Amino acid sequence: MTSYKEYIIELPNQGTALLHHLNEQRLNGKFCDITVMIHGRKFPAHRAVLSASSGYFHAMLDIDNDRHTIIVQDISAGAFQDLLDFMYSAKLRVSACSIVEIILTASYLQMVDVVSACSYII
């Protein structure tokens, strides 16, 4: 009987590359399967990215995975744009002018790590 040795190959940049490609798809409107609407602004996205990044979206999509549009009224569209960019890049741009709105929006979306990191800055 022949035994085969098994290997595990790990590519350290795979996660970064995956986020980059998903972001390119989002920016080009490709393969987006959900739209978030905030105060009339449309934000195309991938439900898997929203669900993996936000407790709010995870809970909502877990209950109703067939919806194609999510309307959110209680958050800032500008802060959501910053957080959506973060979901796809793992980089969050904040300033003294935007940090409070980002914390409030991240809290609403149940993005605990973002709230914690931003609170540390204040």
N, C-alpha and C. Protein backbone atom coordinates (compact mmCIF):
# COMPACT_ATOMS: atom_id res chain seq x y z
N MET A 1 0.84 -1.18 0.00
CA MET A 1 0.00 0.00 0.00
C MET A 1 0.89 1.25 0.00
N THR A 2 0.59 2.16 -0.89
CA THR A 2 1.37 3.39 -1.00
C THR A 2 0.74 4.46 -0.13
N SER A 3 1.58 5.14 0.63
CA SER A 3 1.05 6.25 1.42
C SER A 3 1.50 7.56 0.78
N TYR A 4 0.63 8.51 0.79
CA TYR A 4 0.91 9.80 0.20
C TYR A 4 1.04 10.84 1.30
N LYS A 5 2.05 11.64 1.16
CA LYS A 5 2.24 12.71 2.13
C LYS A 5 1.36 13.89 1.72
N GLU A 6 0.76 14.50 2.70
CA GLU A 6 -0.12 15.63 2.44
C GLU A 6 0.58 16.92 2.84
N TYR A 7 0.38 17.95 2.05
CA TYR A 7 1.00 19.25 2.31
C TYR A 7 -0.09 20.30 2.45
N ILE A 8 0.22 21.31 3.19
CA ILE A 8 -0.65 22.49 3.27
C ILE A 8 0.14 23.65 2.70
N ILE A 9 -0.43 24.26 1.68
CA ILE A 9 0.21 25.40 1.05
C ILE A 9 -0.54 26.65 1.48
N GLU A 10 0.18 27.60 2.02
CA GLU A 10 -0.44 28.85 2.47
C GLU A 10 0.15 30.00 1.67
N LEU A 11 -0.72 30.78 1.08
CA LEU A 11 -0.29 31.95 0.32
C LEU A 11 -0.64 33.19 1.15
N PRO A 12 0.36 33.83 1.74
CA PRO A 12 0.11 34.93 2.68
C PRO A 12 -0.67 36.10 2.09
N ASN A 13 -0.59 36.33 0.81
CA ASN A 13 -1.26 37.48 0.20
C ASN A 13 -2.64 37.14 -0.36
N GLN A 14 -3.08 35.91 -0.20
CA GLN A 14 -4.36 35.49 -0.79
C GLN A 14 -5.53 36.32 -0.26
N GLY A 15 -5.58 36.56 1.04
CA GLY A 15 -6.68 37.34 1.61
C GLY A 15 -6.73 38.76 1.07
N THR A 16 -5.57 39.39 0.99
CA THR A 16 -5.49 40.75 0.45
C THR A 16 -5.89 40.77 -1.02
N ALA A 17 -5.43 39.79 -1.78
CA ALA A 17 -5.76 39.72 -3.20
C ALA A 17 -7.26 39.48 -3.39
N LEU A 18 -7.84 38.64 -2.55
CA LEU A 18 -9.26 38.36 -2.65
C LEU A 18 -10.08 39.63 -2.40
N LEU A 19 -9.74 40.36 -1.34
CA LEU A 19 -10.43 41.62 -1.06
C LEU A 19 -10.28 42.60 -2.22
N HIS A 20 -9.08 42.67 -2.77
CA HIS A 20 -8.83 43.57 -3.90
C HIS A 20 -9.74 43.23 -5.08
N HIS A 21 -9.83 41.95 -5.42
CA HIS A 21 -10.66 41.54 -6.56
C HIS A 21 -12.15 41.76 -6.28
N LEU A 22 -12.58 41.48 -5.07
CA LEU A 22 -13.98 41.75 -4.73
C LEU A 22 -14.29 43.24 -4.81
N ASN A 23 -13.35 44.07 -4.36
CA ASN A 23 -13.55 45.52 -4.43
C ASN A 23 -13.60 45.98 -5.88
N GLU A 24 -12.73 45.45 -6.72
CA GLU A 24 -12.77 45.80 -8.15
C GLU A 24 -14.12 45.42 -8.75
N GLN A 25 -14.62 44.24 -8.39
CA GLN A 25 -15.93 43.82 -8.88
C GLN A 25 -17.00 44.79 -8.41
N ARG A 26 -16.96 45.16 -7.15
CA ARG A 26 -17.96 46.10 -6.61
C ARG A 26 -17.91 47.43 -7.34
N LEU A 27 -16.71 47.96 -7.51
CA LEU A 27 -16.56 49.27 -8.15
C LEU A 27 -16.99 49.25 -9.62
N ASN A 28 -16.91 48.07 -10.25
CA ASN A 28 -17.33 47.93 -11.64
C ASN A 28 -18.74 47.36 -11.77
N GLY A 29 -19.42 47.18 -10.64
CA GLY A 29 -20.79 46.68 -10.66
C GLY A 29 -20.91 45.23 -11.10
N LYS A 30 -19.87 44.45 -10.93
CA LYS A 30 -19.90 43.05 -11.36
C LYS A 30 -20.17 42.12 -10.18
N PHE A 31 -21.06 41.18 -10.41
CA PHE A 31 -21.38 40.12 -9.45
C PHE A 31 -21.96 40.64 -8.13
N CYS A 32 -22.33 41.91 -8.07
CA CYS A 32 -22.98 42.43 -6.87
C CYS A 32 -24.39 41.83 -6.81
N ASP A 33 -24.76 41.33 -5.64
CA ASP A 33 -26.05 40.66 -5.54
C ASP A 33 -26.99 41.33 -4.54
N ILE A 34 -26.61 42.52 -4.09
CA ILE A 34 -27.47 43.26 -3.17
C ILE A 34 -27.15 44.75 -3.28
N THR A 35 -28.13 45.58 -2.98
CA THR A 35 -27.94 47.03 -2.96
C THR A 35 -28.41 47.55 -1.61
N VAL A 36 -27.56 48.35 -0.99
CA VAL A 36 -27.94 49.03 0.25
C VAL A 36 -28.34 50.45 -0.15
N MET A 37 -29.52 50.88 0.28
CA MET A 37 -30.00 52.24 -0.01
C MET A 37 -30.05 53.03 1.27
N ILE A 38 -29.38 54.19 1.25
CA ILE A 38 -29.36 55.08 2.41
C ILE A 38 -29.67 56.49 1.92
N HIS A 39 -30.79 57.02 2.34
CA HIS A 39 -31.21 58.38 1.97
C HIS A 39 -31.12 58.60 0.46
N GLY A 40 -31.60 57.62 -0.31
CA GLY A 40 -31.63 57.74 -1.76
C GLY A 40 -30.36 57.34 -2.47
N ARG A 41 -29.27 57.14 -1.75
CA ARG A 41 -28.02 56.70 -2.38
C ARG A 41 -27.97 55.19 -2.44
N LYS A 42 -27.54 54.67 -3.58
CA LYS A 42 -27.45 53.22 -3.77
C LYS A 42 -26.00 52.78 -3.64
N PHE A 43 -25.80 51.70 -2.89
CA PHE A 43 -24.47 51.12 -2.67
C PHE A 43 -24.51 49.64 -3.06
N PRO A 44 -24.07 49.30 -4.28
CA PRO A 44 -24.02 47.89 -4.67
C PRO A 44 -22.96 47.17 -3.85
N ALA A 45 -23.23 45.91 -3.53
CA ALA A 45 -22.29 45.14 -2.71
C ALA A 45 -22.52 43.65 -2.92
N HIS A 46 -21.69 42.87 -2.27
CA HIS A 46 -21.82 41.42 -2.24
C HIS A 46 -22.35 41.03 -0.87
N ARG A 47 -23.45 40.30 -0.84
CA ARG A 47 -24.06 39.95 0.45
C ARG A 47 -23.10 39.19 1.35
N ALA A 48 -22.20 38.38 0.78
CA ALA A 48 -21.23 37.64 1.61
C ALA A 48 -20.28 38.60 2.33
N VAL A 49 -19.88 39.67 1.65
CA VAL A 49 -18.97 40.64 2.27
C VAL A 49 -19.71 41.41 3.37
N LEU A 50 -20.93 41.85 3.09
CA LEU A 50 -21.71 42.56 4.10
C LEU A 50 -21.94 41.68 5.32
N SER A 51 -22.33 40.45 5.08
CA SER A 51 -22.64 39.53 6.18
C SER A 51 -21.41 39.20 7.01
N ALA A 52 -20.27 39.04 6.36
CA ALA A 52 -19.04 38.70 7.08
C ALA A 52 -18.48 39.89 7.85
N SER A 53 -18.85 41.11 7.45
CA SER A 53 -18.27 42.31 8.04
C SER A 53 -19.13 42.97 9.10
N SER A 54 -20.41 42.67 9.10
CA SER A 54 -21.36 43.41 9.94
C SER A 54 -22.37 42.47 10.60
N GLY A 55 -22.46 42.54 11.91
CA GLY A 55 -23.46 41.76 12.62
C GLY A 55 -24.88 42.12 12.20
N TYR A 56 -25.10 43.40 11.91
CA TYR A 56 -26.41 43.88 11.47
C TYR A 56 -26.81 43.20 10.17
N PHE A 57 -25.93 43.24 9.17
CA PHE A 57 -26.24 42.63 7.88
C PHE A 57 -26.30 41.11 7.99
N HIS A 58 -25.45 40.53 8.82
CA HIS A 58 -25.47 39.08 8.99
C HIS A 58 -26.83 38.62 9.51
N ALA A 59 -27.32 39.29 10.55
CA ALA A 59 -28.61 38.92 11.12
C ALA A 59 -29.74 39.12 10.11
N MET A 60 -29.71 40.23 9.39
CA MET A 60 -30.76 40.53 8.43
C MET A 60 -30.77 39.53 7.28
N LEU A 61 -29.60 39.24 6.73
CA LEU A 61 -29.52 38.34 5.58
C LEU A 61 -29.71 36.88 5.98
N ASP A 62 -29.42 36.56 7.23
CA ASP A 62 -29.64 35.20 7.71
C ASP A 62 -31.14 34.90 7.77
N ILE A 63 -31.92 35.91 8.08
CA ILE A 63 -33.38 35.76 8.16
C ILE A 63 -34.01 35.80 6.77
N ASP A 64 -33.53 36.71 5.92
CA ASP A 64 -34.13 36.92 4.59
C ASP A 64 -33.02 37.02 3.55
N ASN A 65 -32.54 35.89 3.08
CA ASN A 65 -31.43 35.85 2.14
C ASN A 65 -31.87 36.12 0.70
N ASP A 66 -33.17 36.26 0.46
CA ASP A 66 -33.66 36.46 -0.90
C ASP A 66 -33.78 37.94 -1.28
N ARG A 67 -33.64 38.82 -0.31
CA ARG A 67 -33.82 40.24 -0.62
C ARG A 67 -32.67 40.75 -1.48
N HIS A 68 -32.99 41.71 -2.34
CA HIS A 68 -31.99 42.30 -3.23
C HIS A 68 -31.66 43.73 -2.86
N THR A 69 -32.49 44.33 -2.00
CA THR A 69 -32.27 45.70 -1.56
C THR A 69 -32.49 45.78 -0.05
N ILE A 70 -31.59 46.50 0.61
CA ILE A 70 -31.74 46.79 2.03
C ILE A 70 -31.81 48.30 2.17
N ILE A 71 -32.88 48.79 2.76
CA ILE A 71 -33.04 50.22 2.98
C ILE A 71 -32.71 50.51 4.44
N VAL A 72 -31.76 51.41 4.65
CA VAL A 72 -31.34 51.80 6.00
C VAL A 72 -31.53 53.31 6.12
N GLN A 73 -32.29 53.74 7.10
CA GLN A 73 -32.59 55.16 7.25
C GLN A 73 -31.80 55.85 8.35
N ASP A 74 -31.34 55.10 9.32
CA ASP A 74 -30.84 55.70 10.56
C ASP A 74 -29.34 55.95 10.59
N ILE A 75 -28.67 55.92 9.45
CA ILE A 75 -27.22 56.12 9.44
C ILE A 75 -26.82 57.12 8.36
N SER A 76 -25.61 57.60 8.46
CA SER A 76 -25.06 58.54 7.50
C SER A 76 -24.58 57.81 6.25
N ALA A 77 -25.00 58.29 5.08
CA ALA A 77 -24.56 57.69 3.82
C ALA A 77 -23.05 57.84 3.64
N GLY A 78 -22.51 58.99 4.04
CA GLY A 78 -21.06 59.21 3.91
C GLY A 78 -20.26 58.28 4.79
N ALA A 79 -20.69 58.10 6.04
CA ALA A 79 -19.99 57.18 6.94
C ALA A 79 -20.14 55.75 6.45
N PHE A 80 -21.32 55.40 5.90
CA PHE A 80 -21.49 54.06 5.36
C PHE A 80 -20.55 53.83 4.19
N GLN A 81 -20.38 54.83 3.34
CA GLN A 81 -19.44 54.69 2.21
C GLN A 81 -18.04 54.37 2.73
N ASP A 82 -17.61 55.09 3.76
CA ASP A 82 -16.29 54.83 4.35
C ASP A 82 -16.20 53.42 4.91
N LEU A 83 -17.26 52.97 5.58
CA LEU A 83 -17.25 51.63 6.17
C LEU A 83 -17.36 50.55 5.10
N LEU A 84 -18.11 50.80 4.04
CA LEU A 84 -18.18 49.85 2.93
C LEU A 84 -16.81 49.71 2.27
N ASP A 85 -16.14 50.83 2.06
CA ASP A 85 -14.77 50.78 1.52
C ASP A 85 -13.86 49.97 2.45
N PHE A 86 -14.04 50.13 3.75
CA PHE A 86 -13.26 49.36 4.73
C PHE A 86 -13.54 47.86 4.61
N MET A 87 -14.81 47.51 4.45
CA MET A 87 -15.16 46.09 4.33
C MET A 87 -14.41 45.42 3.18
N TYR A 88 -14.15 46.18 2.13
CA TYR A 88 -13.51 45.65 0.94
C TYR A 88 -12.00 45.88 0.90
N SER A 89 -11.45 46.60 1.87
CA SER A 89 -10.02 46.91 1.81
C SER A 89 -9.28 46.67 3.13
N ALA A 90 -10.02 46.56 4.22
CA ALA A 90 -9.45 46.45 5.57
C ALA A 90 -8.69 47.72 5.96
N LYS A 91 -9.00 48.83 5.28
CA LYS A 91 -8.40 50.13 5.60
C LYS A 91 -9.52 51.14 5.78
N LEU A 92 -9.49 51.85 6.90
CA LEU A 92 -10.53 52.82 7.20
C LEU A 92 -9.91 54.20 7.33
N ARG A 93 -10.38 55.10 6.51
CA ARG A 93 -9.91 56.49 6.55
C ARG A 93 -10.82 57.28 7.47
N VAL A 94 -10.25 57.86 8.51
CA VAL A 94 -11.03 58.68 9.45
C VAL A 94 -10.33 60.01 9.66
N SER A 95 -11.12 60.99 10.03
CA SER A 95 -10.57 62.30 10.38
C SER A 95 -11.29 62.78 11.63
N ALA A 96 -10.81 63.87 12.17
CA ALA A 96 -11.47 64.45 13.35
C ALA A 96 -12.92 64.81 13.03
N CYS A 97 -13.18 65.18 11.79
CA CYS A 97 -14.54 65.56 11.38
C CYS A 97 -15.46 64.35 11.20
N SER A 98 -14.90 63.20 10.84
CA SER A 98 -15.73 62.06 10.48
C SER A 98 -15.81 60.96 11.54
N ILE A 99 -14.92 60.98 12.51
CA ILE A 99 -14.79 59.82 13.39
C ILE A 99 -16.04 59.54 14.23
N VAL A 100 -16.71 60.57 14.71
CA VAL A 100 -17.90 60.35 15.53
C VAL A 100 -19.00 59.71 14.68
N GLU A 101 -19.21 60.21 13.48
CA GLU A 101 -20.23 59.65 12.58
C GLU A 101 -19.88 58.21 12.20
N ILE A 102 -18.61 57.93 12.01
CA ILE A 102 -18.18 56.57 11.69
C ILE A 102 -18.43 55.64 12.87
N ILE A 103 -18.12 56.10 14.08
CA ILE A 103 -18.37 55.27 15.27
C ILE A 103 -19.87 54.99 15.42
N LEU A 104 -20.70 56.00 15.24
CA LEU A 104 -22.15 55.81 15.36
C LEU A 104 -22.66 54.82 14.31
N THR A 105 -22.18 54.97 13.08
CA THR A 105 -22.62 54.09 12.00
C THR A 105 -22.10 52.67 12.20
N ALA A 106 -20.84 52.55 12.58
CA ALA A 106 -20.26 51.22 12.84
C ALA A 106 -20.98 50.54 14.00
N SER A 107 -21.34 51.30 15.00
CA SER A 107 -22.08 50.74 16.13
C SER A 107 -23.45 50.23 15.68
N TYR A 108 -24.14 51.01 14.89
CA TYR A 108 -25.45 50.61 14.35
C TYR A 108 -25.32 49.32 13.53
N LEU A 109 -24.25 49.23 12.75
CA LEU A 109 -24.03 48.06 11.89
C LEU A 109 -23.39 46.89 12.63
N GLN A 110 -23.15 47.07 13.92
CA GLN A 110 -22.55 46.03 14.77
C GLN A 110 -21.17 45.60 14.24
N MET A 111 -20.36 46.60 13.94
CA MET A 111 -18.97 46.37 13.53
C MET A 111 -18.09 46.69 14.75
N VAL A 112 -18.06 45.75 15.67
CA VAL A 112 -17.48 45.95 17.00
C VAL A 112 -16.00 46.32 16.93
N ASP A 113 -15.23 45.66 16.08
CA ASP A 113 -13.80 45.95 15.99
C ASP A 113 -13.53 47.36 15.49
N VAL A 114 -14.36 47.84 14.59
CA VAL A 114 -14.21 49.20 14.08
C VAL A 114 -14.52 50.21 15.18
N VAL A 115 -15.60 49.97 15.90
CA VAL A 115 -15.96 50.87 17.01
C VAL A 115 -14.82 50.92 18.02
N SER A 116 -14.28 49.77 18.35
CA SER A 116 -13.19 49.70 19.32
C SER A 116 -11.95 50.45 18.83
N ALA A 117 -11.57 50.22 17.58
CA ALA A 117 -10.37 50.88 17.02
C ALA A 117 -10.56 52.38 16.95
N CYS A 118 -11.75 52.84 16.54
CA CYS A 118 -12.00 54.28 16.45
C CYS A 118 -12.09 54.91 17.83
N SER A 119 -12.67 54.21 18.78
CA SER A 119 -12.77 54.74 20.14
C SER A 119 -11.40 54.92 20.76
N TYR A 120 -10.48 54.08 20.38
CA TYR A 120 -9.11 54.18 20.87
C TYR A 120 -8.45 55.47 20.39
N ILE A 121 -8.82 55.92 19.20
CA ILE A 121 -8.24 57.14 18.62
C ILE A 121 -8.72 58.38 19.35
N ILE A 122 -9.98 58.37 19.76
CA ILE A 122 -10.57 59.58 20.38
C ILE A 122 -9.92 59.88 21.71
